[in-house]
Amino acid sequence: MFIELVDVLRCPNPHAETWLVLSADGMAGRDVMSGTLGCPICRAEFRIVDGIARFGDAPRARMDGDVPDESEALRLAALLGLSDAHGYVILVGDTGRHALRLRDLTDVQLMLVNPPTGIVMGAGLSGLTMPPNGRFPLAATSARAIALGALTSAEEMANAIEVLAPGGRLLAPVGLVFPDGVTELARDDRHWLAERAAASSGIIGLTRRR
């Protein structure tokens, strides 16, 4: 978990939105590889293990030797608009399989939600597992773009849109029902691409330091 991304983590429990207090046990450069996150309101604690903040025991896809080709990562980077290094991007579920190639294409911080097994966090990759209530444990309007996985529920999509910054892009498999709160930009036989209505920017100013 990139140390500066700790600032956008939020307690998922049903109370006023609040940041989490970090007690780091192990670091690799600027990445927290092990430690504990504590909520100052409800006193809940969440462990960071291998760079992944554990908010729940959500299932994780297996890579099983599947290495997506570079053209798919290029397509994803273009659709999400990753032309500069500001902010952070969320890859949900099976979209995280593109993370290693995306890391080679951009300096944007990547947050993998329920990341596939076999992907090592650090050096631009951070991870978290979703809590049982399906609320993204992230600050409202903080992400510059989100790529949803094929198994995303309607409730999870609505919660994801709350995390998306005004003007941010939302990419989803075409099989997912198009939600309220965003405007469609493009669609093909595989994905639809949408944008949250622009307003004052909520994007967190992060860059990856090599």
N, C-alpha and C. Protein backbone atom coordinates (compact mmCIF):
# COMPACT_ATOMS: atom_id res chain seq x y z
N MET A 1 0.85 -1.19 0.00
CA MET A 1 0.00 0.00 0.00
C MET A 1 0.89 1.24 0.00
N PHE A 2 0.82 2.00 -1.09
CA PHE A 2 1.60 3.23 -1.19
C PHE A 2 1.25 4.14 -0.03
N ILE A 3 2.25 4.66 0.65
CA ILE A 3 2.04 5.39 1.89
C ILE A 3 1.09 6.57 1.71
N GLU A 4 1.16 7.26 0.58
CA GLU A 4 0.28 8.41 0.38
C GLU A 4 -1.16 8.01 0.09
N LEU A 5 -1.37 6.78 -0.38
CA LEU A 5 -2.74 6.31 -0.61
C LEU A 5 -3.45 5.97 0.69
N VAL A 6 -2.72 5.81 1.77
CA VAL A 6 -3.37 5.60 3.07
C VAL A 6 -4.31 6.76 3.37
N ASP A 7 -4.00 7.95 2.88
CA ASP A 7 -4.83 9.12 3.14
C ASP A 7 -6.22 9.00 2.54
N VAL A 8 -6.42 8.17 1.50
CA VAL A 8 -7.73 8.06 0.88
C VAL A 8 -8.51 6.85 1.39
N LEU A 9 -7.91 6.03 2.25
CA LEU A 9 -8.62 4.90 2.85
C LEU A 9 -9.62 5.40 3.89
N ARG A 10 -10.77 4.75 3.97
CA ARG A 10 -11.82 5.13 4.90
C ARG A 10 -12.38 3.90 5.61
N CYS A 11 -12.85 4.09 6.83
CA CYS A 11 -13.50 3.01 7.54
C CYS A 11 -14.82 2.68 6.84
N PRO A 12 -15.08 1.40 6.54
CA PRO A 12 -16.31 1.03 5.84
C PRO A 12 -17.53 0.89 6.74
N ASN A 13 -17.36 1.02 8.04
CA ASN A 13 -18.47 0.83 8.96
C ASN A 13 -19.46 2.00 8.91
N PRO A 14 -20.73 1.78 9.29
CA PRO A 14 -21.79 2.78 9.11
C PRO A 14 -21.74 3.91 10.14
N HIS A 15 -20.87 4.86 9.91
CA HIS A 15 -20.81 6.07 10.72
C HIS A 15 -20.23 7.17 9.85
N ALA A 16 -20.04 8.35 10.39
CA ALA A 16 -19.48 9.45 9.60
C ALA A 16 -18.17 9.04 8.96
N GLU A 17 -17.94 9.48 7.71
CA GLU A 17 -16.72 9.13 7.00
C GLU A 17 -15.50 9.62 7.77
N THR A 18 -14.53 8.75 7.91
CA THR A 18 -13.32 9.14 8.63
C THR A 18 -12.11 8.45 8.05
N TRP A 19 -10.97 9.13 8.14
CA TRP A 19 -9.70 8.53 7.74
C TRP A 19 -9.34 7.42 8.71
N LEU A 20 -8.28 6.69 8.37
CA LEU A 20 -7.78 5.62 9.21
C LEU A 20 -6.37 5.94 9.67
N VAL A 21 -6.05 5.52 10.88
CA VAL A 21 -4.73 5.76 11.46
C VAL A 21 -3.86 4.53 11.20
N LEU A 22 -2.68 4.76 10.63
CA LEU A 22 -1.78 3.67 10.26
C LEU A 22 -0.72 3.43 11.32
N SER A 23 -0.54 2.15 11.66
CA SER A 23 0.62 1.70 12.42
C SER A 23 1.37 0.72 11.53
N ALA A 24 2.48 1.17 10.96
CA ALA A 24 3.22 0.37 9.98
C ALA A 24 4.21 -0.55 10.68
N ASP A 25 4.23 -1.80 10.26
CA ASP A 25 5.19 -2.77 10.78
C ASP A 25 6.33 -3.03 9.81
N GLY A 26 6.03 -3.01 8.51
CA GLY A 26 7.06 -3.29 7.51
C GLY A 26 6.88 -2.42 6.28
N MET A 27 7.97 -1.83 5.80
CA MET A 27 7.95 -0.96 4.62
C MET A 27 8.89 -1.50 3.56
N ALA A 28 8.54 -1.22 2.29
CA ALA A 28 9.45 -1.46 1.17
C ALA A 28 9.49 -0.15 0.39
N GLY A 29 10.50 0.65 0.64
CA GLY A 29 10.53 1.98 0.06
C GLY A 29 9.40 2.81 0.64
N ARG A 30 8.51 3.31 -0.23
CA ARG A 30 7.36 4.11 0.20
C ARG A 30 6.07 3.30 0.26
N ASP A 31 6.20 1.97 0.24
CA ASP A 31 5.03 1.10 0.31
C ASP A 31 4.94 0.41 1.66
N VAL A 32 3.74 0.45 2.27
CA VAL A 32 3.49 -0.26 3.52
C VAL A 32 3.15 -1.70 3.17
N MET A 33 3.99 -2.63 3.57
CA MET A 33 3.76 -4.04 3.25
C MET A 33 3.04 -4.77 4.38
N SER A 34 3.18 -4.31 5.61
CA SER A 34 2.47 -4.90 6.73
C SER A 34 2.20 -3.84 7.78
N GLY A 35 1.09 -3.98 8.47
CA GLY A 35 0.73 -3.01 9.49
C GLY A 35 -0.73 -3.12 9.85
N THR A 36 -1.23 -2.13 10.57
CA THR A 36 -2.62 -2.11 11.03
C THR A 36 -3.21 -0.73 10.79
N LEU A 37 -4.45 -0.70 10.29
CA LEU A 37 -5.22 0.53 10.13
C LEU A 37 -6.29 0.56 11.20
N GLY A 38 -6.40 1.67 11.91
CA GLY A 38 -7.38 1.78 12.98
C GLY A 38 -8.34 2.92 12.76
N CYS A 39 -9.62 2.70 13.08
CA CYS A 39 -10.65 3.74 12.94
C CYS A 39 -10.76 4.52 14.25
N PRO A 40 -10.62 5.84 14.22
CA PRO A 40 -10.71 6.63 15.46
C PRO A 40 -12.13 6.75 15.99
N ILE A 41 -13.15 6.36 15.21
CA ILE A 41 -14.53 6.47 15.67
C ILE A 41 -15.02 5.17 16.29
N CYS A 42 -14.97 4.06 15.51
CA CYS A 42 -15.53 2.80 16.01
C CYS A 42 -14.47 1.86 16.56
N ARG A 43 -13.21 2.24 16.44
CA ARG A 43 -12.08 1.45 16.96
C ARG A 43 -11.85 0.14 16.20
N ALA A 44 -12.48 0.00 15.05
CA ALA A 44 -12.21 -1.20 14.24
C ALA A 44 -10.77 -1.16 13.75
N GLU A 45 -10.20 -2.34 13.56
CA GLU A 45 -8.83 -2.46 13.05
C GLU A 45 -8.83 -3.34 11.81
N PHE A 46 -7.97 -2.98 10.86
CA PHE A 46 -7.86 -3.70 9.59
C PHE A 46 -6.37 -3.92 9.31
N ARG A 47 -6.02 -5.14 9.02
CA ARG A 47 -4.62 -5.48 8.80
C ARG A 47 -4.20 -5.18 7.35
N ILE A 48 -2.94 -4.80 7.20
CA ILE A 48 -2.29 -4.75 5.88
C ILE A 48 -1.34 -5.94 5.82
N VAL A 49 -1.55 -6.80 4.84
CA VAL A 49 -0.73 -8.01 4.67
C VAL A 49 -0.24 -8.05 3.23
N ASP A 50 1.06 -8.14 3.06
CA ASP A 50 1.65 -8.18 1.71
C ASP A 50 1.20 -7.00 0.86
N GLY A 51 1.06 -5.84 1.50
CA GLY A 51 0.70 -4.63 0.78
C GLY A 51 -0.77 -4.48 0.47
N ILE A 52 -1.61 -5.41 0.98
CA ILE A 52 -3.05 -5.40 0.73
C ILE A 52 -3.78 -5.10 2.03
N ALA A 53 -4.59 -4.04 2.03
CA ALA A 53 -5.41 -3.70 3.20
C ALA A 53 -6.61 -4.63 3.23
N ARG A 54 -6.74 -5.39 4.31
CA ARG A 54 -7.76 -6.43 4.41
C ARG A 54 -9.00 -5.89 5.12
N PHE A 55 -9.98 -5.44 4.31
CA PHE A 55 -11.24 -4.98 4.88
C PHE A 55 -12.29 -6.10 4.90
N GLY A 56 -12.00 -7.21 4.27
CA GLY A 56 -12.91 -8.34 4.23
C GLY A 56 -12.23 -9.54 3.60
N ASP A 57 -12.97 -10.63 3.50
CA ASP A 57 -12.44 -11.87 2.94
C ASP A 57 -13.02 -12.13 1.55
N ALA A 58 -13.11 -11.09 0.75
CA ALA A 58 -13.68 -11.21 -0.59
C ALA A 58 -12.85 -12.16 -1.44
N PRO A 59 -13.51 -12.95 -2.32
CA PRO A 59 -12.76 -13.86 -3.19
C PRO A 59 -11.88 -13.10 -4.17
N ARG A 60 -10.75 -13.69 -4.52
CA ARG A 60 -9.81 -13.09 -5.46
C ARG A 60 -9.60 -14.02 -6.64
N ALA A 61 -9.59 -13.46 -7.85
CA ALA A 61 -9.39 -14.26 -9.05
C ALA A 61 -7.99 -14.84 -9.07
N ARG A 62 -7.83 -15.97 -9.74
CA ARG A 62 -6.53 -16.61 -9.89
C ARG A 62 -5.95 -16.26 -11.25
N MET A 63 -4.65 -15.96 -11.27
CA MET A 63 -4.00 -15.66 -12.55
C MET A 63 -3.78 -16.92 -13.38
N ASP A 64 -3.34 -18.00 -12.72
CA ASP A 64 -3.13 -19.28 -13.38
C ASP A 64 -2.36 -19.16 -14.68
N GLY A 65 -1.30 -18.36 -14.66
CA GLY A 65 -0.44 -18.25 -15.83
C GLY A 65 -0.97 -17.36 -16.94
N ASP A 66 -2.17 -16.78 -16.74
CA ASP A 66 -2.75 -15.91 -17.76
C ASP A 66 -2.08 -14.54 -17.70
N VAL A 67 -1.32 -14.21 -18.74
CA VAL A 67 -0.66 -12.91 -18.81
C VAL A 67 -1.26 -12.14 -19.98
N PRO A 68 -2.13 -11.16 -19.73
CA PRO A 68 -2.76 -10.40 -20.81
C PRO A 68 -1.71 -9.74 -21.70
N ASP A 69 -2.00 -9.63 -22.98
CA ASP A 69 -1.00 -9.04 -23.87
C ASP A 69 -0.98 -7.52 -23.72
N GLU A 70 0.09 -6.93 -24.24
CA GLU A 70 0.32 -5.50 -24.05
C GLU A 70 -0.76 -4.66 -24.73
N SER A 71 -1.32 -5.15 -25.82
CA SER A 71 -2.34 -4.37 -26.53
C SER A 71 -3.57 -4.14 -25.65
N GLU A 72 -3.91 -5.12 -24.81
CA GLU A 72 -5.05 -4.96 -23.92
C GLU A 72 -4.76 -3.89 -22.87
N ALA A 73 -3.55 -3.88 -22.35
CA ALA A 73 -3.18 -2.86 -21.38
C ALA A 73 -3.15 -1.47 -22.02
N LEU A 74 -2.67 -1.38 -23.24
CA LEU A 74 -2.67 -0.10 -23.95
C LEU A 74 -4.09 0.41 -24.16
N ARG A 75 -4.99 -0.51 -24.52
CA ARG A 75 -6.39 -0.13 -24.71
C ARG A 75 -6.99 0.38 -23.41
N LEU A 76 -6.71 -0.32 -22.31
CA LEU A 76 -7.23 0.08 -21.01
C LEU A 76 -6.69 1.44 -20.60
N ALA A 77 -5.40 1.67 -20.81
CA ALA A 77 -4.79 2.96 -20.46
C ALA A 77 -5.42 4.09 -21.26
N ALA A 78 -5.69 3.84 -22.54
CA ALA A 78 -6.29 4.87 -23.39
C ALA A 78 -7.73 5.17 -22.96
N LEU A 79 -8.52 4.14 -22.69
CA LEU A 79 -9.91 4.35 -22.30
C LEU A 79 -10.02 5.06 -20.95
N LEU A 80 -9.12 4.77 -20.05
CA LEU A 80 -9.15 5.41 -18.73
C LEU A 80 -8.49 6.78 -18.73
N GLY A 81 -7.85 7.14 -19.84
CA GLY A 81 -7.24 8.46 -19.95
C GLY A 81 -6.01 8.65 -19.09
N LEU A 82 -5.14 7.63 -19.07
CA LEU A 82 -3.96 7.68 -18.20
C LEU A 82 -2.77 8.34 -18.92
N SER A 83 -2.94 9.60 -19.28
CA SER A 83 -1.92 10.30 -20.04
C SER A 83 -0.95 11.09 -19.17
N ASP A 84 -1.20 11.13 -17.86
CA ASP A 84 -0.28 11.81 -16.95
C ASP A 84 -0.23 11.03 -15.66
N ALA A 85 0.56 11.49 -14.71
CA ALA A 85 0.85 10.70 -13.51
C ALA A 85 0.06 11.13 -12.28
N HIS A 86 -0.96 11.94 -12.45
CA HIS A 86 -1.68 12.48 -11.29
C HIS A 86 -2.77 11.53 -10.81
N GLY A 87 -3.03 11.56 -9.50
CA GLY A 87 -4.12 10.81 -8.93
C GLY A 87 -3.88 9.31 -8.85
N TYR A 88 -4.99 8.58 -8.64
CA TYR A 88 -4.89 7.13 -8.60
C TYR A 88 -6.09 6.53 -9.33
N VAL A 89 -5.91 5.30 -9.79
CA VAL A 89 -6.91 4.59 -10.58
C VAL A 89 -7.26 3.29 -9.88
N ILE A 90 -8.53 2.91 -9.92
CA ILE A 90 -9.00 1.68 -9.29
C ILE A 90 -9.24 0.62 -10.34
N LEU A 91 -8.68 -0.56 -10.12
CA LEU A 91 -8.94 -1.73 -10.96
C LEU A 91 -9.66 -2.75 -10.10
N VAL A 92 -10.89 -3.10 -10.46
CA VAL A 92 -11.72 -3.97 -9.63
C VAL A 92 -11.69 -5.40 -10.15
N GLY A 93 -11.45 -6.35 -9.25
CA GLY A 93 -11.55 -7.76 -9.58
C GLY A 93 -10.63 -8.19 -10.69
N ASP A 94 -11.21 -8.84 -11.73
CA ASP A 94 -10.37 -9.43 -12.78
C ASP A 94 -9.67 -8.39 -13.65
N THR A 95 -10.06 -7.11 -13.57
CA THR A 95 -9.33 -6.09 -14.33
C THR A 95 -7.92 -5.91 -13.78
N GLY A 96 -7.70 -6.35 -12.53
CA GLY A 96 -6.38 -6.26 -11.94
C GLY A 96 -5.33 -7.09 -12.63
N ARG A 97 -5.74 -8.03 -13.49
CA ARG A 97 -4.75 -8.85 -14.20
C ARG A 97 -3.92 -8.02 -15.17
N HIS A 98 -4.40 -6.81 -15.50
CA HIS A 98 -3.64 -5.92 -16.39
C HIS A 98 -2.66 -5.03 -15.64
N ALA A 99 -2.63 -5.12 -14.31
CA ALA A 99 -1.89 -4.16 -13.50
C ALA A 99 -0.40 -4.14 -13.82
N LEU A 100 0.21 -5.30 -14.01
CA LEU A 100 1.66 -5.33 -14.22
C LEU A 100 2.04 -4.63 -15.52
N ARG A 101 1.27 -4.86 -16.57
CA ARG A 101 1.58 -4.17 -17.83
C ARG A 101 1.22 -2.70 -17.77
N LEU A 102 0.13 -2.35 -17.08
CA LEU A 102 -0.22 -0.93 -16.93
C LEU A 102 0.86 -0.18 -16.17
N ARG A 103 1.46 -0.84 -15.20
CA ARG A 103 2.52 -0.20 -14.42
C ARG A 103 3.69 0.19 -15.31
N ASP A 104 3.92 -0.57 -16.37
CA ASP A 104 5.00 -0.25 -17.30
C ASP A 104 4.63 0.88 -18.25
N LEU A 105 3.33 1.19 -18.34
CA LEU A 105 2.85 2.18 -19.31
C LEU A 105 2.57 3.54 -18.68
N THR A 106 2.40 3.58 -17.36
CA THR A 106 2.00 4.82 -16.71
C THR A 106 2.61 4.93 -15.32
N ASP A 107 2.73 6.15 -14.83
CA ASP A 107 3.19 6.39 -13.47
C ASP A 107 2.04 6.65 -12.51
N VAL A 108 0.79 6.48 -12.98
CA VAL A 108 -0.36 6.64 -12.10
C VAL A 108 -0.37 5.52 -11.07
N GLN A 109 -0.68 5.85 -9.83
CA GLN A 109 -0.83 4.83 -8.80
C GLN A 109 -2.05 3.96 -9.10
N LEU A 110 -1.89 2.64 -8.98
CA LEU A 110 -2.96 1.69 -9.26
C LEU A 110 -3.43 1.05 -7.96
N MET A 111 -4.74 1.14 -7.70
CA MET A 111 -5.34 0.51 -6.53
C MET A 111 -6.15 -0.69 -7.00
N LEU A 112 -5.72 -1.89 -6.63
CA LEU A 112 -6.38 -3.11 -7.04
C LEU A 112 -7.36 -3.53 -5.94
N VAL A 113 -8.64 -3.59 -6.29
CA VAL A 113 -9.68 -4.00 -5.36
C VAL A 113 -9.98 -5.48 -5.57
N ASN A 114 -9.86 -6.28 -4.53
CA ASN A 114 -9.91 -7.74 -4.65
C ASN A 114 -8.94 -8.22 -5.72
N PRO A 115 -7.64 -7.90 -5.56
CA PRO A 115 -6.66 -8.17 -6.62
C PRO A 115 -6.51 -9.66 -6.89
N PRO A 116 -6.21 -10.03 -8.14
CA PRO A 116 -5.93 -11.43 -8.44
C PRO A 116 -4.76 -11.95 -7.63
N THR A 117 -4.80 -13.22 -7.29
CA THR A 117 -3.68 -13.82 -6.59
C THR A 117 -2.46 -13.85 -7.52
N GLY A 118 -1.29 -13.81 -6.93
CA GLY A 118 -0.07 -13.91 -7.72
C GLY A 118 0.53 -12.58 -8.12
N ILE A 119 -0.19 -11.47 -7.88
CA ILE A 119 0.34 -10.14 -8.20
C ILE A 119 0.95 -9.55 -6.92
N VAL A 120 2.21 -9.19 -6.99
CA VAL A 120 2.93 -8.66 -5.83
C VAL A 120 2.72 -7.15 -5.76
N MET A 121 2.29 -6.67 -4.60
CA MET A 121 2.06 -5.25 -4.43
C MET A 121 3.37 -4.48 -4.25
N GLY A 122 3.29 -3.18 -4.45
CA GLY A 122 4.46 -2.31 -4.33
C GLY A 122 4.86 -1.75 -5.67
N ALA A 123 5.71 -0.70 -5.65
CA ALA A 123 6.22 -0.06 -6.87
C ALA A 123 5.08 0.35 -7.80
N GLY A 124 4.08 1.04 -7.26
CA GLY A 124 2.97 1.53 -8.08
C GLY A 124 1.70 0.74 -7.93
N LEU A 125 1.74 -0.42 -7.26
CA LEU A 125 0.56 -1.25 -7.07
C LEU A 125 0.19 -1.30 -5.59
N SER A 126 -1.05 -0.99 -5.27
CA SER A 126 -1.59 -1.13 -3.93
C SER A 126 -2.84 -1.98 -4.02
N GLY A 127 -3.23 -2.60 -2.89
CA GLY A 127 -4.39 -3.47 -2.94
C GLY A 127 -5.26 -3.35 -1.71
N LEU A 128 -6.54 -3.71 -1.89
CA LEU A 128 -7.44 -3.84 -0.75
C LEU A 128 -8.49 -4.89 -1.09
N THR A 129 -9.04 -5.52 -0.05
CA THR A 129 -10.16 -6.43 -0.23
C THR A 129 -11.42 -5.75 0.29
N MET A 130 -12.53 -5.98 -0.40
CA MET A 130 -13.78 -5.29 -0.07
C MET A 130 -14.38 -5.81 1.23
N PRO A 131 -15.00 -4.91 1.99
CA PRO A 131 -15.70 -5.34 3.21
C PRO A 131 -17.00 -6.05 2.84
N PRO A 132 -17.58 -6.80 3.77
CA PRO A 132 -18.82 -7.53 3.48
C PRO A 132 -19.99 -6.66 3.04
N ASN A 133 -20.03 -5.40 3.49
CA ASN A 133 -21.16 -4.54 3.14
C ASN A 133 -21.07 -3.95 1.74
N GLY A 134 -20.00 -4.22 1.01
CA GLY A 134 -19.89 -3.77 -0.37
C GLY A 134 -19.55 -2.30 -0.54
N ARG A 135 -19.24 -1.60 0.55
CA ARG A 135 -18.87 -0.19 0.45
C ARG A 135 -17.38 -0.08 0.16
N PHE A 136 -17.02 0.70 -0.85
CA PHE A 136 -15.61 0.91 -1.14
C PHE A 136 -15.01 1.71 0.02
N PRO A 137 -13.96 1.20 0.67
CA PRO A 137 -13.37 1.90 1.82
C PRO A 137 -12.42 3.00 1.37
N LEU A 138 -12.93 3.91 0.55
CA LEU A 138 -12.12 4.95 -0.06
C LEU A 138 -12.86 6.28 0.02
N ALA A 139 -12.13 7.37 0.04
CA ALA A 139 -12.72 8.69 0.16
C ALA A 139 -13.59 9.02 -1.05
N ALA A 140 -14.69 9.70 -0.79
CA ALA A 140 -15.58 10.14 -1.86
C ALA A 140 -14.84 11.06 -2.83
N THR A 141 -15.17 10.93 -4.09
CA THR A 141 -14.64 11.76 -5.19
C THR A 141 -13.11 11.81 -5.21
N SER A 142 -12.46 10.71 -4.93
CA SER A 142 -10.99 10.72 -4.83
C SER A 142 -10.28 10.04 -5.99
N ALA A 143 -10.96 9.16 -6.76
CA ALA A 143 -10.30 8.39 -7.82
C ALA A 143 -10.48 9.05 -9.18
N ARG A 144 -9.43 9.07 -9.99
CA ARG A 144 -9.52 9.70 -11.31
C ARG A 144 -10.20 8.81 -12.33
N ALA A 145 -10.16 7.48 -12.12
CA ALA A 145 -10.79 6.55 -13.05
C ALA A 145 -10.98 5.21 -12.35
N ILE A 146 -11.99 4.44 -12.81
CA ILE A 146 -12.28 3.13 -12.24
C ILE A 146 -12.61 2.18 -13.38
N ALA A 147 -11.99 1.00 -13.36
CA ALA A 147 -12.33 -0.09 -14.28
C ALA A 147 -12.99 -1.19 -13.46
N LEU A 148 -14.24 -1.49 -13.77
CA LEU A 148 -15.00 -2.47 -13.01
C LEU A 148 -14.82 -3.87 -13.57
N GLY A 149 -14.93 -4.86 -12.70
CA GLY A 149 -14.86 -6.24 -13.12
C GLY A 149 -16.21 -6.77 -13.53
N ALA A 150 -16.21 -7.94 -14.17
CA ALA A 150 -17.43 -8.52 -14.72
C ALA A 150 -18.43 -8.91 -13.63
N LEU A 151 -17.97 -9.17 -12.41
CA LEU A 151 -18.84 -9.63 -11.34
C LEU A 151 -19.32 -8.50 -10.43
N THR A 152 -19.11 -7.25 -10.83
CA THR A 152 -19.53 -6.11 -10.02
C THR A 152 -21.04 -6.06 -9.91
N SER A 153 -21.57 -5.93 -8.69
CA SER A 153 -23.02 -5.83 -8.50
C SER A 153 -23.48 -4.39 -8.70
N ALA A 154 -24.80 -4.22 -8.85
CA ALA A 154 -25.35 -2.88 -9.03
C ALA A 154 -25.05 -2.00 -7.82
N GLU A 155 -25.12 -2.58 -6.62
CA GLU A 155 -24.82 -1.81 -5.40
C GLU A 155 -23.36 -1.39 -5.36
N GLU A 156 -22.46 -2.31 -5.72
CA GLU A 156 -21.03 -1.98 -5.74
C GLU A 156 -20.74 -0.90 -6.78
N MET A 157 -21.44 -0.95 -7.94
CA MET A 157 -21.24 0.08 -8.95
C MET A 157 -21.66 1.44 -8.44
N ALA A 158 -22.80 1.51 -7.76
CA ALA A 158 -23.26 2.78 -7.20
C ALA A 158 -22.26 3.32 -6.19
N ASN A 159 -21.71 2.43 -5.38
CA ASN A 159 -20.70 2.84 -4.41
C ASN A 159 -19.42 3.30 -5.10
N ALA A 160 -19.07 2.63 -6.20
CA ALA A 160 -17.87 3.03 -6.95
C ALA A 160 -18.02 4.43 -7.52
N ILE A 161 -19.21 4.76 -8.01
CA ILE A 161 -19.43 6.08 -8.59
C ILE A 161 -19.24 7.17 -7.53
N GLU A 162 -19.60 6.88 -6.28
CA GLU A 162 -19.38 7.85 -5.22
C GLU A 162 -17.90 8.14 -5.01
N VAL A 163 -17.06 7.15 -5.26
CA VAL A 163 -15.61 7.31 -5.09
C VAL A 163 -14.98 8.04 -6.28
N LEU A 164 -15.65 8.02 -7.42
CA LEU A 164 -15.11 8.62 -8.64
C LEU A 164 -15.16 10.14 -8.58
N ALA A 165 -14.06 10.78 -8.95
CA ALA A 165 -13.99 12.24 -8.96
C ALA A 165 -14.85 12.82 -10.09
N PRO A 166 -15.38 14.03 -9.92
CA PRO A 166 -16.08 14.68 -11.03
C PRO A 166 -15.18 14.77 -12.26
N GLY A 167 -15.72 14.37 -13.40
CA GLY A 167 -14.93 14.31 -14.62
C GLY A 167 -14.16 13.02 -14.78
N GLY A 168 -14.20 12.14 -13.76
CA GLY A 168 -13.49 10.87 -13.83
C GLY A 168 -14.20 9.86 -14.72
N ARG A 169 -13.44 8.89 -15.20
CA ARG A 169 -13.97 7.89 -16.14
C ARG A 169 -14.29 6.57 -15.45
N LEU A 170 -15.38 5.96 -15.91
CA LEU A 170 -15.82 4.66 -15.42
C LEU A 170 -15.92 3.71 -16.61
N LEU A 171 -15.17 2.60 -16.55
CA LEU A 171 -15.15 1.60 -17.61
C LEU A 171 -15.74 0.31 -17.07
N ALA A 172 -16.64 -0.32 -17.83
CA ALA A 172 -17.28 -1.53 -17.35
C ALA A 172 -17.57 -2.48 -18.51
N PRO A 173 -17.60 -3.79 -18.22
CA PRO A 173 -18.01 -4.75 -19.25
C PRO A 173 -19.42 -4.42 -19.73
N VAL A 174 -19.67 -4.65 -21.02
CA VAL A 174 -20.94 -4.24 -21.62
C VAL A 174 -22.12 -4.97 -20.99
N GLY A 175 -21.87 -6.11 -20.36
CA GLY A 175 -22.94 -6.85 -19.72
C GLY A 175 -23.48 -6.22 -18.46
N LEU A 176 -22.78 -5.26 -17.88
CA LEU A 176 -23.26 -4.58 -16.68
C LEU A 176 -24.25 -3.48 -17.05
N VAL A 177 -25.33 -3.38 -16.30
CA VAL A 177 -26.37 -2.38 -16.58
C VAL A 177 -25.82 -0.98 -16.36
N PHE A 178 -26.09 -0.09 -17.31
CA PHE A 178 -25.59 1.27 -17.22
C PHE A 178 -26.28 2.00 -16.08
N PRO A 179 -25.51 2.66 -15.20
CA PRO A 179 -26.09 3.26 -13.98
C PRO A 179 -26.47 4.72 -14.16
N ASP A 180 -27.17 5.24 -13.16
CA ASP A 180 -27.42 6.67 -13.07
C ASP A 180 -26.16 7.35 -12.53
N GLY A 181 -26.06 8.66 -12.75
CA GLY A 181 -24.98 9.43 -12.17
C GLY A 181 -23.77 9.61 -13.06
N VAL A 182 -23.77 9.00 -14.25
CA VAL A 182 -22.66 9.15 -15.19
C VAL A 182 -23.23 9.33 -16.60
N THR A 183 -22.40 9.84 -17.49
CA THR A 183 -22.78 10.06 -18.89
C THR A 183 -21.98 9.14 -19.78
N GLU A 184 -22.65 8.45 -20.68
CA GLU A 184 -21.95 7.53 -21.58
C GLU A 184 -21.11 8.28 -22.60
N LEU A 185 -19.85 7.84 -22.76
CA LEU A 185 -18.93 8.41 -23.73
C LEU A 185 -18.76 7.53 -24.96
N ALA A 186 -18.74 6.23 -24.75
CA ALA A 186 -18.50 5.30 -25.87
C ALA A 186 -18.97 3.91 -25.47
N ARG A 187 -19.15 3.04 -26.48
CA ARG A 187 -19.59 1.67 -26.23
C ARG A 187 -19.20 0.81 -27.42
N ASP A 188 -18.74 -0.41 -27.14
CA ASP A 188 -18.53 -1.39 -28.21
C ASP A 188 -19.07 -2.73 -27.73
N ASP A 189 -18.66 -3.82 -28.38
CA ASP A 189 -19.21 -5.11 -28.01
C ASP A 189 -18.58 -5.68 -26.74
N ARG A 190 -17.64 -4.95 -26.14
CA ARG A 190 -16.95 -5.45 -24.95
C ARG A 190 -17.16 -4.59 -23.71
N HIS A 191 -17.14 -3.27 -23.88
CA HIS A 191 -17.20 -2.35 -22.75
C HIS A 191 -18.08 -1.15 -23.06
N TRP A 192 -18.57 -0.51 -22.01
CA TRP A 192 -19.04 0.87 -22.14
C TRP A 192 -18.16 1.76 -21.27
N LEU A 193 -18.02 3.01 -21.71
CA LEU A 193 -17.17 4.00 -21.03
C LEU A 193 -18.03 5.19 -20.68
N ALA A 194 -17.94 5.63 -19.42
CA ALA A 194 -18.76 6.75 -18.96
C ALA A 194 -17.91 7.74 -18.20
N GLU A 195 -18.50 8.90 -17.95
CA GLU A 195 -17.82 9.97 -17.22
C GLU A 195 -18.77 10.54 -16.18
N ARG A 196 -18.25 10.78 -14.98
CA ARG A 196 -19.04 11.45 -13.97
C ARG A 196 -19.09 12.94 -14.28
N ALA A 197 -20.23 13.56 -14.04
CA ALA A 197 -20.39 14.98 -14.36
C ALA A 197 -19.28 15.81 -13.75
N ALA A 198 -18.69 16.68 -14.56
CA ALA A 198 -17.57 17.49 -14.11
C ALA A 198 -18.04 18.55 -13.14
N ALA A 199 -17.18 18.80 -12.14
CA ALA A 199 -17.39 19.88 -11.17
C ALA A 199 -16.02 20.24 -10.67
N SER A 200 -15.92 20.81 -9.48
CA SER A 200 -14.61 21.07 -8.93
C SER A 200 -13.91 19.74 -8.71
N SER A 201 -12.64 19.64 -9.12
CA SER A 201 -11.93 18.36 -9.09
C SER A 201 -11.69 17.88 -7.68
N GLY A 202 -11.92 16.52 -7.48
CA GLY A 202 -11.62 15.93 -6.19
C GLY A 202 -10.44 14.99 -6.27
N ILE A 203 -9.72 15.02 -7.39
CA ILE A 203 -8.62 14.08 -7.58
C ILE A 203 -7.49 14.39 -6.61
N ILE A 204 -7.03 13.37 -5.93
CA ILE A 204 -5.90 13.51 -5.02
C ILE A 204 -4.62 13.64 -5.81
N GLY A 205 -3.77 14.61 -5.48
CA GLY A 205 -2.56 14.87 -6.26
C GLY A 205 -1.41 13.94 -5.88
N LEU A 206 -1.44 12.72 -6.41
CA LEU A 206 -0.39 11.76 -6.12
C LEU A 206 0.45 11.51 -7.37
N THR A 207 1.71 11.33 -7.21
CA THR A 207 2.57 10.84 -8.28
C THR A 207 3.44 9.74 -7.73
N ARG A 208 3.82 8.80 -8.59
CA ARG A 208 4.64 7.71 -8.12
C ARG A 208 6.09 8.12 -8.14
N ARG A 209 6.76 7.95 -7.02
CA ARG A 209 8.18 8.28 -6.94
C ARG A 209 8.98 7.02 -7.15
N ARG A 210 9.85 7.04 -8.13
CA ARG A 210 10.63 5.87 -8.47
C ARG A 210 11.87 5.77 -7.57
